């Protein structure tokens, strides 16, 4: 029998199997996937169509995957290439993909789920390579008990408001050049910012298996002391290391680690005075902590007179919203509420003449009396600390107003607080889901306007009405700090941009690249020095500034 005739009759060629009467044209669904895929990707990248740019990126990934699969289906089953060519190429591509993910791992993602880098699996995390080189000089005495007018002693500044009202930038000389770099050096992992008092800066960082509270001399960048504890929090999306910024008060340092260990340290030496493991105290196992507070505790301790106040969290039945410790002894003074923690930090405020602590929890914003912890009011603010998390600070505004904001499509809501201690009323003035979608960042106020990164784009909103004046400039999920009449924007990619705090337009005055790598940490200003850091390096820049009008 003729082999050629046999192959013809059975529908086989000598190169391998093939469907008889196969056309170059794939089925209609393959054509539609390929023709519509690219427009869908282009549309998805226009983030204004989504409540969160992350959703647009997810749509892109899914669409791109479907396009690749459809092309592979066409190539394997509908193209006229020989069986050997088709199977060989398919095997090569599959092997290459598997081999790539065997040899490389994803190091992390941006705030919109874009991969930052793939690194070899055999390479240890960057923070594990860092040694600890303490300053040897005996001439420098760490003194953070002495305060100065230049201090930045806690998260977001002296008032925890992301605003330095008396600061005046100087653009009369050297305004076209980047600010002078004073020093730059490697630092451990984490998203903690600096707190600065009397020439010394305190932060938290991850170095291998230990979580550090570290003290640096601001003028030189020298590491003066450390306090370490055995703890490491790490996730693919959130990265490794502590998230909260330490608080400095009367020579002591208060720091809350990512796993829930609150430490009070001697600011001169870094020696432990007292500590409390919040997760353990409130019945939270390691597994439950990771499941309910997926990206690690990020709150910064709040000092209120003789108290240090932090969100407590815990397991159902033992959980507390807030716990107040005596800042000297570590004794518990009061506990209040039963909501799970978010990634926000408590704020002290006087509303309707009542001294209170306002805190954004997992799915509510709550208020408690500063002394005694009495529950004053609460308001729903939906979120889950393992999904669409609440991160941004409540902003206390004039005339007894509180502004709330969040990413994941949450937007901004303005509350007005009225009534007396025994009968407080909460009025929602507006809630707009398309303004101030501050995902990992915080807005700041100036007069009747708010400035913040609305899903990565700088935006100006009239806070009394919720009307947007302008929205321009893509900075990613960075941070904003107001310096007097100017805005300092730190982009997610590590760029520093200075703009006028103008309600009329987006006006850039200066920009320069300051840090390398993903930068979610909040900036810190001590006098005329700008302190920046991310999960791999820290730097200090000299700010051209002039004395404020009141000295």
Protein backbone atom coordinates (compact mmCIF):
# COMPACT_ATOMS: atom_id res chain seq x y z
CA UNK A 1 0.00 0.00 0.00
CA UNK A 2 1.22 3.49 -0.87
CA UNK A 3 2.13 5.31 2.37
CA UNK A 4 1.22 8.62 0.81
CA UNK A 5 -2.24 7.42 -0.14
CA UNK A 6 -2.69 5.95 3.35
CA UNK A 7 -1.81 9.23 4.95
CA UNK A 8 -4.19 11.05 2.61
CA UNK A 9 -7.07 8.72 3.36
CA UNK A 10 -6.59 8.88 7.13
CA UNK A 11 -5.97 12.60 7.25
CA UNK A 12 -2.34 12.32 8.36
CA UNK A 13 0.83 13.76 6.88
CA UNK A 14 4.29 12.27 7.36
CA UNK A 15 5.01 15.22 9.71
CA UNK A 16 2.26 14.16 12.15
CA UNK A 17 -1.48 14.42 12.77
CA UNK A 18 -3.58 17.17 11.26
CA UNK A 19 -7.29 17.90 11.07
CA UNK A 20 -8.60 17.32 7.50
CA UNK A 21 -9.94 20.28 5.53
CA UNK A 22 -8.45 22.68 8.10
CA UNK A 23 -8.63 26.37 7.21
CA UNK A 24 -6.27 29.21 8.07
CA UNK A 25 -9.27 30.93 9.64
CA UNK A 26 -9.81 30.20 13.35
CA UNK A 27 -13.31 30.06 14.88
CA UNK A 28 -15.19 33.32 15.36
CA UNK A 29 -14.52 33.43 19.10
CA UNK A 30 -10.76 33.40 18.52
CA UNK A 31 -11.05 36.29 16.07
CA UNK A 32 -13.16 38.30 18.54
CA UNK A 33 -10.72 37.73 21.41
CA UNK A 34 -7.78 38.93 19.34
CA UNK A 35 -9.58 41.86 17.69
CA UNK A 36 -11.17 43.13 20.89
CA UNK A 37 -8.30 42.33 23.26
CA UNK A 38 -6.04 45.28 22.50
CA UNK A 39 -8.85 47.90 22.64
CA UNK A 40 -9.93 46.41 25.97
CA UNK A 41 -6.39 46.70 27.33
CA UNK A 42 -6.14 50.31 26.11
CA UNK A 43 -9.51 51.12 27.71
CA UNK A 44 -8.57 49.41 30.97
CA UNK A 45 -5.43 51.53 31.26
CA UNK A 46 -7.60 54.66 31.34
CA UNK A 47 -7.95 54.49 35.12
CA UNK A 48 -10.71 57.07 35.37
CA UNK A 49 -13.16 54.41 34.19
CA UNK A 50 -12.52 52.38 37.33
CA UNK A 51 -12.96 53.04 41.03
CA UNK A 52 -9.42 51.71 41.51
CA UNK A 53 -6.61 51.56 38.97
CA UNK A 54 -5.82 48.08 40.25
CA UNK A 55 -9.04 46.84 38.66
CA UNK A 56 -7.91 48.24 35.32
CA UNK A 57 -4.61 46.39 35.62
CA UNK A 58 -6.37 43.14 36.53
CA UNK A 59 -8.54 43.54 33.43
CA UNK A 60 -5.34 44.02 31.40
CA UNK A 61 -3.73 40.86 32.80
CA UNK A 62 -6.83 38.75 32.17
CA UNK A 63 -7.29 40.10 28.65
CA UNK A 64 -3.63 39.62 27.74
CA UNK A 65 -3.79 36.05 29.06
CA UNK A 66 -6.88 35.31 26.95
CA UNK A 67 -5.17 36.73 23.86
CA UNK A 68 -2.10 34.54 24.42
CA UNK A 69 -4.25 31.46 25.02
CA UNK A 70 -6.32 32.12 21.90
CA UNK A 71 -3.16 32.49 19.80
CA UNK A 72 -1.83 29.25 21.22
CA UNK A 73 -5.14 27.47 20.47
CA UNK A 74 -5.05 28.76 16.89
CA UNK A 75 -1.43 27.70 16.46
CA UNK A 76 -1.92 24.20 17.87
CA UNK A 77 -5.27 23.29 16.32
CA UNK A 78 -6.01 25.55 13.35
CA UNK A 79 -2.71 26.62 11.78
CA UNK A 80 -1.23 24.70 8.83
CA UNK A 81 2.17 24.19 10.42
CA UNK A 82 3.30 20.59 10.72
CA UNK A 83 2.54 18.68 13.90
CA UNK A 84 6.24 18.51 14.73
CA UNK A 85 6.60 22.29 14.49
CA UNK A 86 3.49 22.89 16.58
CA UNK A 87 4.30 20.43 19.35
CA UNK A 88 7.98 21.40 19.49
CA UNK A 89 7.23 25.11 19.79
CA UNK A 90 4.48 24.52 22.36
CA UNK A 91 6.79 22.34 24.42
CA UNK A 92 9.56 24.94 24.20
CA UNK A 93 7.28 27.80 25.34
CA UNK A 94 5.79 25.74 28.18
CA UNK A 95 9.23 24.66 29.37
CA UNK A 96 10.55 28.23 29.20
CA UNK A 97 7.65 29.58 31.26
CA UNK A 98 7.94 26.85 33.90
CA UNK A 99 11.72 27.24 34.04
CA UNK A 100 11.43 31.02 34.42
CA UNK A 101 9.15 30.72 37.47
CA UNK A 102 11.31 27.95 38.91
CA UNK A 103 14.40 30.16 38.71
CA UNK A 104 12.89 33.58 39.44
CA UNK A 105 10.42 35.01 41.93
CA UNK A 106 8.35 38.17 41.89
CA UNK A 107 9.96 40.63 44.30
CA UNK A 108 6.86 42.76 44.73
CA UNK A 109 4.24 44.91 43.08
CA UNK A 110 3.30 48.57 42.94
CA UNK A 111 0.13 49.86 44.54
CA UNK A 112 -1.73 48.99 41.36
CA UNK A 113 -0.41 45.41 41.14
CA UNK A 114 2.21 46.08 38.48
CA UNK A 115 5.25 43.81 39.05
CA UNK A 116 8.29 45.74 40.29
CA UNK A 117 10.98 43.14 39.53
CA UNK A 118 11.75 39.45 39.16
CA UNK A 119 14.83 38.28 41.03
CA UNK A 120 16.65 34.91 41.21
CA UNK A 121 15.14 32.60 43.80
CA UNK A 122 18.56 31.83 45.26
CA UNK A 123 19.15 35.49 46.06
CA UNK A 124 18.29 36.29 49.68
CA UNK A 125 16.12 39.35 50.38
CA UNK A 126 18.06 42.60 50.24
CA UNK A 127 17.58 43.36 53.93
CA UNK A 128 19.33 40.12 54.94
CA UNK A 129 22.63 41.38 53.47
CA UNK A 130 22.78 44.49 55.65
CA UNK A 131 25.16 44.54 58.55
CA UNK A 132 24.76 46.75 61.59
CA UNK A 133 27.46 49.42 61.90
CA UNK A 134 26.90 51.48 65.03
CA UNK A 135 28.67 54.81 65.39
CA UNK A 136 31.81 54.48 67.53
CA UNK A 137 32.15 58.14 68.44
CA UNK A 138 31.69 59.00 72.11
CA UNK A 139 31.46 62.70 71.35
CA UNK A 140 27.86 62.52 70.14
CA UNK A 141 25.31 62.02 72.91
CA UNK A 142 21.83 61.08 71.74
CA UNK A 143 19.46 63.58 73.34
CA UNK A 144 15.86 63.41 72.20
CA UNK A 145 14.53 64.64 75.53
CA UNK A 146 15.38 68.21 74.53
CA UNK A 147 12.79 69.57 72.14
CA UNK A 148 13.25 72.21 69.42
CA UNK A 149 10.90 74.21 67.18
CA UNK A 150 12.11 72.08 64.25
CA UNK A 151 10.96 68.73 65.62
CA UNK A 152 8.88 66.26 63.63
CA UNK A 153 8.20 63.88 66.54
CA UNK A 154 5.55 61.61 65.09
CA UNK A 155 3.75 60.29 62.03
CA UNK A 156 2.79 63.14 59.62
CA UNK A 157 4.38 65.83 61.75
CA UNK A 158 3.81 67.70 65.04
CA UNK A 159 0.02 67.84 64.64
CA UNK A 160 -0.30 64.49 62.82
CA UNK A 161 -1.80 66.50 59.94
CA UNK A 162 0.75 66.20 57.07
CA UNK A 163 1.15 69.98 57.29
CA UNK A 164 3.89 72.32 58.53
CA UNK A 165 2.14 75.69 58.62
CA UNK A 166 5.14 77.90 59.46
CA UNK A 167 7.48 76.47 56.84
CA UNK A 168 8.47 78.79 53.97
CA UNK A 169 10.37 77.48 50.96
CA UNK A 170 12.95 79.76 49.38
CA UNK A 171 12.82 79.96 45.58
CA UNK A 172 14.88 83.15 45.29
CA UNK A 173 18.17 81.29 44.67
CA UNK A 174 19.20 77.99 43.17
CA UNK A 175 15.53 77.19 42.54
CA UNK A 176 16.15 75.48 39.22
CA UNK A 177 18.50 72.85 40.67
CA UNK A 178 17.76 69.79 42.81
CA UNK A 179 18.16 70.26 46.51
CA UNK A 180 21.60 69.46 47.88
CA UNK A 181 22.06 65.84 48.92
CA UNK A 182 23.56 65.62 52.43
CA UNK A 183 23.91 61.83 52.65
CA UNK A 184 22.54 58.58 51.26
CA UNK A 185 22.88 55.02 52.54
CA UNK A 186 21.25 51.56 52.54
CA UNK A 187 18.53 50.83 55.09
CA UNK A 188 16.48 47.82 56.15
CA UNK A 189 13.12 46.90 54.70
CA UNK A 190 9.75 48.31 55.69
CA UNK A 191 7.41 51.27 55.20
CA UNK A 192 8.05 53.11 58.45
CA UNK A 193 8.85 56.82 58.21
CA UNK A 194 11.26 58.91 60.28
CA UNK A 195 10.33 60.80 63.44
CA UNK A 196 12.88 63.51 64.31
CA UNK A 197 13.75 65.41 67.49
CA UNK A 198 16.78 67.57 68.35
CA UNK A 199 18.96 66.36 65.49
CA UNK A 200 18.16 62.65 65.70
CA UNK A 201 15.77 60.55 63.61
CA UNK A 202 14.05 57.32 64.67
CA UNK A 203 12.54 54.74 62.32
CA UNK A 204 11.80 51.01 62.13
CA UNK A 205 13.35 48.56 59.70
CA UNK A 206 13.68 44.87 58.89
CA UNK A 207 17.12 43.27 58.72
CA UNK A 208 16.81 39.56 58.20
CA UNK A 209 14.92 37.85 61.01
CA UNK A 210 14.95 40.87 63.34
CA UNK A 211 12.74 43.94 63.43
CA UNK A 212 14.68 47.02 64.49
CA UNK A 213 13.90 50.38 66.01
CA UNK A 214 16.89 52.46 64.89
CA UNK A 215 18.26 55.90 65.71
CA UNK A 216 20.28 57.98 63.22
CA UNK A 217 22.15 61.25 63.58
CA UNK A 218 20.43 63.52 61.06
CA UNK A 219 23.49 65.59 60.14
CA UNK A 220 25.65 62.60 59.20
CA UNK A 221 23.32 59.63 58.75
CA UNK A 222 25.30 57.64 61.35
CA UNK A 223 23.47 54.80 63.07
CA UNK A 224 23.60 55.65 66.80
CA UNK A 225 21.67 52.80 68.42
CA UNK A 226 19.27 49.97 67.66
CA UNK A 227 16.76 47.87 69.53
CA UNK A 228 15.90 44.55 67.95
CA UNK A 229 13.23 41.92 68.42
CA UNK A 230 12.80 38.58 66.67
CA UNK A 231 9.97 39.23 64.23
CA UNK A 232 9.50 39.34 60.48
CA UNK A 233 6.32 40.23 58.64
CA UNK A 234 6.37 39.71 54.88
CA UNK A 235 3.80 39.33 52.10
CA UNK A 236 4.13 39.37 48.32
CA UNK A 237 1.95 42.45 47.87
CA UNK A 238 3.01 44.32 51.01
CA UNK A 239 6.69 43.43 51.14
CA UNK A 240 8.79 42.85 54.25
CA UNK A 241 9.23 44.87 57.39
CA UNK A 242 7.45 47.13 59.88
CA UNK A 243 4.90 49.68 58.67
CA UNK A 244 4.32 52.08 61.57
CA UNK A 245 6.30 55.25 62.28
CA UNK A 246 7.69 55.61 65.85
CA UNK A 247 6.56 58.39 68.18
CA UNK A 248 9.05 60.39 70.30
CA UNK A 249 7.93 61.90 73.60
CA UNK A 250 9.94 63.28 76.53
CA UNK A 251 13.03 61.26 75.67
CA UNK A 252 11.18 58.00 75.06
CA UNK A 253 10.47 56.19 71.81
CA UNK A 254 7.19 54.34 71.25
CA UNK A 255 7.08 51.93 68.31
CA UNK A 256 4.48 49.38 67.20
CA UNK A 257 5.86 46.52 65.10
CA UNK A 258 4.14 44.79 62.20
CA UNK A 259 3.33 41.73 64.33
CA UNK A 260 1.78 43.80 67.14
CA UNK A 261 4.65 44.28 69.63
CA UNK A 262 4.49 47.74 71.22
CA UNK A 263 7.84 48.91 72.60
CA UNK A 264 8.78 51.81 74.86
CA UNK A 265 12.52 52.56 74.60
CA UNK A 266 15.00 54.89 76.26
CA UNK A 267 15.72 57.44 73.56
CA UNK A 268 19.31 57.95 74.67
CA UNK A 269 20.38 54.31 74.44
CA UNK A 270 17.61 52.30 72.77
CA UNK A 271 17.24 50.10 75.84
CA UNK A 272 13.83 48.58 76.50
CA UNK A 273 11.72 50.20 79.23
CA UNK A 274 8.56 48.14 78.70
CA UNK A 275 6.71 46.31 75.94
CA UNK A 276 3.36 44.65 75.24
CA UNK A 277 2.50 42.03 72.62
CA UNK A 278 -0.98 43.19 71.55
CA UNK A 279 -1.82 40.14 69.44
CA UNK A 280 -1.00 37.83 72.32
CA UNK A 281 -2.70 40.02 74.92
CA UNK A 282 -5.97 40.02 72.98
CA UNK A 283 -6.02 36.34 72.03
CA UNK A 284 -4.87 36.56 68.43
CA UNK A 285 -2.88 33.59 67.14
CA UNK A 286 -0.16 34.08 64.53
CA UNK A 287 -2.38 32.48 61.88
CA UNK A 288 -5.42 34.59 62.82
CA UNK A 289 -3.32 37.75 62.87
CA UNK A 290 -2.04 37.05 59.35
CA UNK A 291 -5.56 36.31 58.10
CA UNK A 292 -7.35 39.30 59.64
CA UNK A 293 -4.61 41.95 59.42
CA UNK A 294 -3.11 40.74 56.17
CA UNK A 295 -0.49 43.44 55.59
CA UNK A 296 0.83 43.87 59.13
CA UNK A 297 0.01 46.39 61.82
CA UNK A 298 0.77 49.90 60.63
CA UNK A 299 -0.54 52.22 63.37
CA UNK A 300 1.70 54.83 64.94
CA UNK A 301 1.32 55.25 68.73
CA UNK A 302 -0.45 58.43 69.87
CA UNK A 303 0.68 60.34 72.95
CA UNK A 304 -2.12 62.06 74.88
CA UNK A 305 -0.88 63.62 78.13
CA UNK A 306 0.28 60.67 80.30
CA UNK A 307 -1.12 58.07 77.91
CA UNK A 308 0.16 56.22 74.85
CA UNK A 309 -2.82 55.01 72.80
CA UNK A 310 -2.82 52.36 70.07
CA UNK A 311 -5.46 50.28 68.23
CA UNK A 312 -5.58 46.88 69.94
CA UNK A 313 -7.55 44.45 67.76
CA UNK A 314 -7.57 40.77 68.70
CA UNK A 315 -9.88 37.82 68.39
CA UNK A 316 -13.68 38.04 68.69
CA UNK A 317 -14.67 38.10 72.34
CA UNK A 318 -11.37 39.57 73.50
CA UNK A 319 -10.95 42.25 70.84
CA UNK A 320 -10.64 45.95 71.76
CA UNK A 321 -10.65 48.95 69.46
CA UNK A 322 -8.18 51.00 71.52
CA UNK A 323 -5.95 50.46 74.51
CA UNK A 324 -4.32 53.25 76.52
CA UNK A 325 -1.13 52.53 78.46
CA UNK A 326 0.60 54.68 81.04
CA UNK A 327 3.48 55.90 78.92
CA UNK A 328 6.00 55.62 81.79
CA UNK A 329 5.08 52.29 83.39
CA UNK A 330 3.23 50.45 80.62
CA UNK A 331 0.23 49.80 82.86
CA UNK A 332 -3.13 49.70 81.07
CA UNK A 333 -5.25 52.74 81.93
CA UNK A 334 -8.30 51.93 79.81
CA UNK A 335 -9.59 49.73 76.99
CA UNK A 336 -12.51 50.61 74.73
CA UNK A 337 -14.59 49.37 71.78
CA UNK A 338 -14.57 46.02 70.00
CA UNK A 339 -13.70 46.77 66.37
CA UNK A 340 -10.81 45.22 64.46
CA UNK A 341 -7.84 47.44 63.61
CA UNK A 342 -7.24 49.08 60.24
CA UNK A 343 -3.95 50.51 58.94
CA UNK A 344 -4.76 54.03 60.15
CA UNK A 345 -3.54 55.72 63.35
CA UNK A 346 -5.44 57.47 66.17
CA UNK A 347 -5.81 61.26 66.07
CA UNK A 348 -6.50 63.56 69.02
CA UNK A 349 -9.14 66.20 68.35
CA UNK A 350 -11.36 68.70 70.08
CA UNK A 351 -14.83 68.57 68.52
CA UNK A 352 -17.70 70.54 70.02
CA UNK A 353 -15.42 71.31 72.92
CA UNK A 354 -14.89 67.63 73.74
CA UNK A 355 -11.36 66.21 73.95
CA UNK A 356 -11.44 62.88 72.07
CA UNK A 357 -9.51 60.28 70.11
CA UNK A 358 -10.80 59.73 66.57
CA UNK A 359 -9.72 56.49 64.91
CA UNK A 360 -10.52 54.76 61.64
CA UNK A 361 -11.03 51.07 62.42
CA UNK A 362 -11.59 48.17 60.03
CA UNK A 363 -15.17 49.13 59.07
CA UNK A 364 -16.08 52.11 61.29
CA UNK A 365 -14.66 55.43 62.38
CA UNK A 366 -14.95 55.71 66.15
CA UNK A 367 -14.40 58.34 68.81
CA UNK A 368 -13.50 57.83 72.46
CA UNK A 369 -12.95 60.28 75.31
CA UNK A 370 -9.24 60.85 75.84
CA UNK A 371 -9.54 60.29 79.57
CA UNK A 372 -11.33 57.07 80.46
CA UNK A 373 -11.98 55.89 76.90
CA UNK A 374 -15.73 56.41 76.96
CA UNK A 375 -17.33 55.74 73.58
CA UNK A 376 -18.60 59.03 72.16
CA UNK A 377 -19.70 58.29 68.61
CA UNK A 378 -19.15 55.97 65.67
CA UNK A 379 -19.91 56.01 61.96
CA UNK A 380 -19.82 53.19 59.38
CA UNK A 381 -16.78 53.33 57.09
CA UNK A 382 -16.77 50.03 55.18
CA UNK A 383 -13.58 48.07 54.71
CA UNK A 384 -11.81 44.82 55.52
CA UNK A 385 -8.27 44.63 56.84
CA UNK A 386 -7.58 41.67 54.53
CA UNK A 387 -9.03 43.19 51.34
CA UNK A 388 -10.30 46.76 50.68
CA UNK A 389 -8.47 48.11 53.71
CA UNK A 390 -8.84 51.47 55.44
CA UNK A 391 -5.44 53.17 55.55
CA UNK A 392 -5.92 56.96 55.47
CA UNK A 393 -6.11 59.23 58.49
CA UNK A 394 -9.28 61.09 59.52
CA UNK A 395 -8.73 64.80 58.90
CA UNK A 396 -10.07 67.16 61.57
CA UNK A 397 -11.34 70.37 59.97
CA UNK A 398 -12.81 73.67 61.25
CA UNK A 399 -16.35 74.00 62.57
CA UNK A 400 -16.43 70.46 64.03
CA UNK A 401 -15.95 68.66 60.72
CA UNK A 402 -14.11 65.38 60.06
CA UNK A 403 -13.14 64.28 56.56
CA UNK A 404 -12.70 60.59 55.72
CA UNK A 405 -11.04 59.17 52.62
CA UNK A 406 -9.95 55.81 51.24
CA UNK A 407 -9.02 53.97 48.09
CA UNK A 408 -10.72 50.93 46.54
CA UNK A 409 -13.56 53.18 45.38
CA UNK A 410 -14.33 54.48 48.88
CA UNK A 411 -13.80 58.13 48.03
CA UNK A 412 -14.35 61.00 50.48
CA UNK A 413 -17.01 61.71 53.08
CA UNK A 414 -17.48 64.83 55.23
CA UNK A 415 -18.99 64.47 58.70
CA UNK A 416 -20.21 67.23 61.01
CA UNK A 417 -20.16 66.53 64.74
CA UNK A 418 -22.84 68.22 66.85
CA UNK A 419 -24.49 67.89 70.27
CA UNK A 420 -23.19 67.40 73.79
CA UNK A 421 -21.18 64.67 75.48
CA UNK A 422 -24.37 62.71 76.28
CA UNK A 423 -26.08 63.22 72.94
CA UNK A 424 -23.65 63.54 70.04
CA UNK A 425 -25.14 63.72 66.55
CA UNK A 426 -23.27 62.75 63.38
CA UNK A 427 -24.36 64.35 60.12
CA UNK A 428 -22.97 63.18 56.78
CA UNK A 429 -22.70 66.29 54.62
CA UNK A 430 -21.73 64.33 51.49
CA UNK A 431 -20.06 61.10 50.40
CA UNK A 432 -18.57 61.16 46.90
CA UNK A 433 -16.98 57.93 45.71
CA UNK A 434 -15.02 59.67 42.93
CA UNK A 435 -12.95 62.08 45.06
CA UNK A 436 -9.89 61.60 47.28
CA UNK A 437 -9.50 57.86 46.77
CA UNK A 438 -6.39 57.87 48.96
CA UNK A 439 -5.23 54.26 48.93
CA UNK A 440 -1.94 54.15 50.87
CA UNK A 441 -1.64 57.87 51.51
CA UNK A 442 -3.18 60.84 53.33
CA UNK A 443 -4.60 64.15 52.21
CA UNK A 444 -3.67 67.48 53.79
CA UNK A 445 -5.70 70.67 54.18
CA UNK A 446 -4.95 74.30 53.41
CA UNK A 447 -7.73 76.79 53.98
CA UNK A 448 -10.94 75.52 52.43
CA UNK A 449 -9.21 72.94 50.25
CA UNK A 450 -7.82 69.43 50.51
CA UNK A 451 -4.85 68.15 48.50
CA UNK A 452 -4.16 64.46 48.06
CA UNK A 453 -3.39 61.61 45.68
CA UNK A 454 -6.71 60.43 44.24
CA UNK A 455 -5.84 56.90 43.12
CA UNK A 456 -2.36 58.16 42.28
CA UNK A 457 -3.33 61.49 40.68
CA UNK A 458 -2.89 64.75 42.61
CA UNK A 459 -6.24 66.38 43.29
CA UNK A 460 -7.58 69.57 44.86
CA UNK A 461 -11.05 69.41 46.44
CA UNK A 462 -13.12 72.08 48.20
CA UNK A 463 -13.78 70.20 51.42
CA UNK A 464 -16.98 72.04 52.39
CA UNK A 465 -18.78 71.04 49.17
CA UNK A 466 -16.83 68.05 47.88
CA UNK A 467 -16.34 69.73 44.50
CA UNK A 468 -13.09 68.96 42.70
CA UNK A 469 -11.17 72.03 41.48
CA UNK A 470 -8.53 70.12 39.54
CA UNK A 471 -6.95 66.69 39.17
CA UNK A 472 -3.61 66.39 37.39
CA UNK A 473 -0.20 64.73 37.66
CA UNK A 474 0.30 60.98 37.99
CA UNK A 475 2.47 60.26 41.02
CA UNK A 476 1.35 56.73 41.89
CA UNK A 477 0.66 55.78 45.48
CA UNK A 478 3.15 58.15 47.04
CA UNK A 479 2.79 60.71 49.84
CA UNK A 480 1.91 64.40 50.24
CA UNK A 481 3.27 66.85 52.81
CA UNK A 482 2.32 70.54 52.92
CA UNK A 483 5.18 72.94 53.63
CA UNK A 484 3.50 76.28 54.29
CA UNK A 485 2.11 77.50 50.96
CA UNK A 486 3.67 74.66 48.97
CA UNK A 487 3.08 70.96 48.49
CA UNK A 488 5.82 68.35 48.63
CA UNK A 489 4.74 65.28 46.68
CA UNK A 490 6.81 62.13 46.96
CA UNK A 491 5.93 59.83 44.07
CA UNK A 492 5.71 56.06 44.38
CA UNK A 493 8.83 55.82 42.20
CA UNK A 494 10.90 58.02 44.55
CA UNK A 495 10.65 61.38 42.80
CA UNK A 496 10.20 64.62 44.77
CA UNK A 497 7.93 67.26 43.25
CA UNK A 498 7.28 70.73 44.69
CA UNK A 499 4.08 72.56 43.72
CA UNK A 500 2.18 75.62 44.83
CA UNK A 501 -0.70 74.82 47.17
CA UNK A 502 -3.05 76.46 44.70
CA UNK A 503 -6.76 75.76 44.36
CA UNK A 504 -6.65 77.13 40.81
CA UNK A 505 -4.18 74.89 39.01
CA UNK A 506 -1.54 72.16 39.18
CA UNK A 507 1.69 74.21 39.08
CA UNK A 508 4.99 72.34 39.37
CA UNK A 509 7.96 74.42 40.57
CA UNK A 510 10.65 71.77 41.02
CA UNK A 511 11.15 68.06 40.58
CA UNK A 512 14.07 65.68 41.03
CA UNK A 513 14.64 61.97 41.56
CA UNK A 514 15.44 61.32 45.22
CA UNK A 515 15.16 57.57 45.91
CA UNK A 516 15.49 54.37 43.90
CA UNK A 517 12.77 51.78 44.21
CA UNK A 518 9.16 51.63 45.40
CA UNK A 519 8.57 54.38 47.95
CA UNK A 520 5.51 54.24 50.19
CA UNK A 521 7.15 55.72 53.32
CA UNK A 522 6.07 59.15 54.57
CA UNK A 523 8.68 61.95 54.33
CA UNK A 524 9.97 63.81 57.39
CA UNK A 525 11.27 67.38 57.72
CA UNK A 526 13.60 68.52 60.49
CA UNK A 527 14.43 72.20 60.21
CA UNK A 528 15.84 72.71 56.72
CA UNK A 529 16.56 69.00 56.17
CA UNK A 530 14.31 66.55 54.33
CA UNK A 531 14.56 62.91 55.43
CA UNK A 532 13.38 60.26 53.00
CA UNK A 533 13.48 56.47 52.94
CA UNK A 534 11.92 53.42 51.35
CA UNK A 535 12.54 49.69 51.77
CA UNK A 536 16.12 49.82 50.50
CA UNK A 537 17.74 53.24 50.98
CA UNK A 538 17.53 56.44 53.01
CA UNK A 539 18.63 59.94 52.04
CA UNK A 540 18.80 63.44 53.45
CA UNK A 541 18.46 66.65 51.41
CA UNK A 542 18.97 70.28 52.32
CA UNK A 543 15.83 72.35 51.71
CA UNK A 544 16.23 75.97 50.58
CA UNK A 545 14.03 77.71 53.16
CA UNK A 546 13.68 81.03 54.92
CA UNK A 547 12.62 81.87 58.47
CA UNK A 548 8.87 81.99 59.08
CA UNK A 549 7.28 85.33 59.83
CA UNK A 550 6.88 84.48 63.52
CA UNK A 551 10.43 83.14 63.84
